[in-house]
Amino acid sequence: MIINAVKNKLGEDYESVNEEFESSPVAGIIHLVKDGVQFDYQHYEIGPGSLRQVSITIPYDKIKPYMTEEAKNILNE
C-alpha cells in the first residue's frame, strides 16, 4: 500500500526513487492523523533531493483489516 501510494503521489517522478525503497518502504517518521496513517520521507530518503520531502497518508479504512481489535476500538471512539 505504501509503495502504491508513493507511486500515485509522485507519478512520473517515481522513476527516480531509490531501488532500496521498495524493499523497505516504511518511513522513520509515522504519524496518526485524522484521515489515516501518515508516512513522512525526508530529502534523499527515497530519492534525489529534487523530490523534496514526501508525505503520504494511507486511509484508515484501507489498513483496518491489518489492525488489532484494540486499535479498531480506539478508532471507533
Protein backbone atom coordinates (compact mmCIF):
# COMPACT_ATOMS: atom_id res chain seq x y z
CA MET A 1 0.00 0.00 0.00
CA ILE A 2 2.80 2.41 0.86
CA ILE A 3 4.63 1.81 -2.41
CA ASN A 4 1.45 2.27 -4.46
CA ALA A 5 0.58 5.48 -2.59
CA VAL A 6 4.06 6.89 -3.27
CA LYS A 7 3.79 5.86 -6.94
CA ASN A 8 0.43 7.64 -7.21
CA LYS A 9 1.72 10.78 -5.48
CA LEU A 10 4.95 11.04 -7.48
CA GLY A 11 3.63 9.92 -10.86
CA GLU A 12 6.45 10.01 -13.42
CA ASP A 13 8.90 11.16 -10.73
CA TYR A 14 8.62 7.69 -9.17
CA GLU A 15 11.25 6.51 -11.66
CA SER A 16 13.86 8.46 -9.67
CA VAL A 17 13.06 6.70 -6.37
CA ASN A 18 15.86 4.64 -4.83
CA GLU A 19 15.62 0.91 -5.54
CA GLU A 20 16.10 0.21 -1.82
CA PHE A 21 12.80 1.98 -1.07
CA GLU A 22 10.72 -0.89 -2.46
CA SER A 23 12.41 -3.43 -0.18
CA SER A 24 11.90 -1.27 2.94
CA PRO A 25 9.24 1.42 2.36
CA VAL A 26 8.38 2.25 5.98
CA ALA A 27 9.48 5.78 6.85
CA GLY A 28 11.27 6.82 10.00
CA ILE A 29 8.53 9.32 10.79
CA ILE A 30 5.00 7.97 11.10
CA HIS A 31 2.01 9.98 12.37
CA LEU A 32 -1.57 9.04 13.15
CA VAL A 33 -3.64 11.83 11.64
CA LYS A 34 -7.37 12.42 11.22
CA ASP A 35 -7.50 10.83 7.76
CA GLY A 36 -5.17 7.87 8.32
CA VAL A 37 -1.56 6.90 8.93
CA GLN A 38 0.85 9.47 7.53
CA PHE A 39 4.34 8.48 6.39
CA ASP A 40 6.91 11.27 6.05
CA TYR A 41 10.05 10.82 3.98
CA GLN A 42 12.85 13.37 4.30
CA HIS A 43 15.01 14.70 1.46
CA TYR A 44 17.10 11.89 -0.08
CA GLU A 45 15.31 9.20 1.97
CA ILE A 46 13.51 7.71 -1.02
CA GLY A 47 15.12 9.54 -3.91
CA PRO A 48 17.01 12.62 -5.07
CA GLY A 49 16.66 15.92 -3.25
CA SER A 50 14.56 17.26 -6.10
CA LEU A 51 11.67 15.14 -4.78
CA ARG A 52 11.85 17.21 -1.58
CA GLN A 53 10.02 15.92 1.48
CA VAL A 54 7.35 13.38 0.52
CA SER A 55 4.34 12.76 2.78
CA ILE A 56 1.64 10.22 2.07
CA THR A 57 -1.40 9.17 4.05
CA ILE A 58 -2.93 5.72 3.96
CA PRO A 59 -6.62 5.97 4.93
CA TYR A 60 -7.69 4.01 7.99
CA ASP A 61 -10.30 2.11 6.01
CA LYS A 62 -7.55 0.60 3.83
CA ILE A 63 -5.43 -0.55 6.76
CA LYS A 64 -8.27 -1.58 9.05
CA PRO A 65 -8.04 -5.27 8.03
CA TYR A 66 -4.44 -5.29 9.33
CA MET A 67 -5.18 -3.58 12.64
CA THR A 68 -5.60 -5.24 16.01
CA GLU A 69 -9.00 -5.25 17.66
CA GLU A 70 -7.70 -2.75 20.23
CA ALA A 71 -6.64 -0.32 17.50
CA LYS A 72 -10.02 -0.70 15.75
CA ASN A 73 -11.82 0.05 19.02
CA ILE A 74 -9.75 3.20 19.52
CA LEU A 75 -10.65 4.40 16.03
CA ASN A 76 -14.33 3.88 16.69
CA GLU A 77 -14.29 6.06 19.84
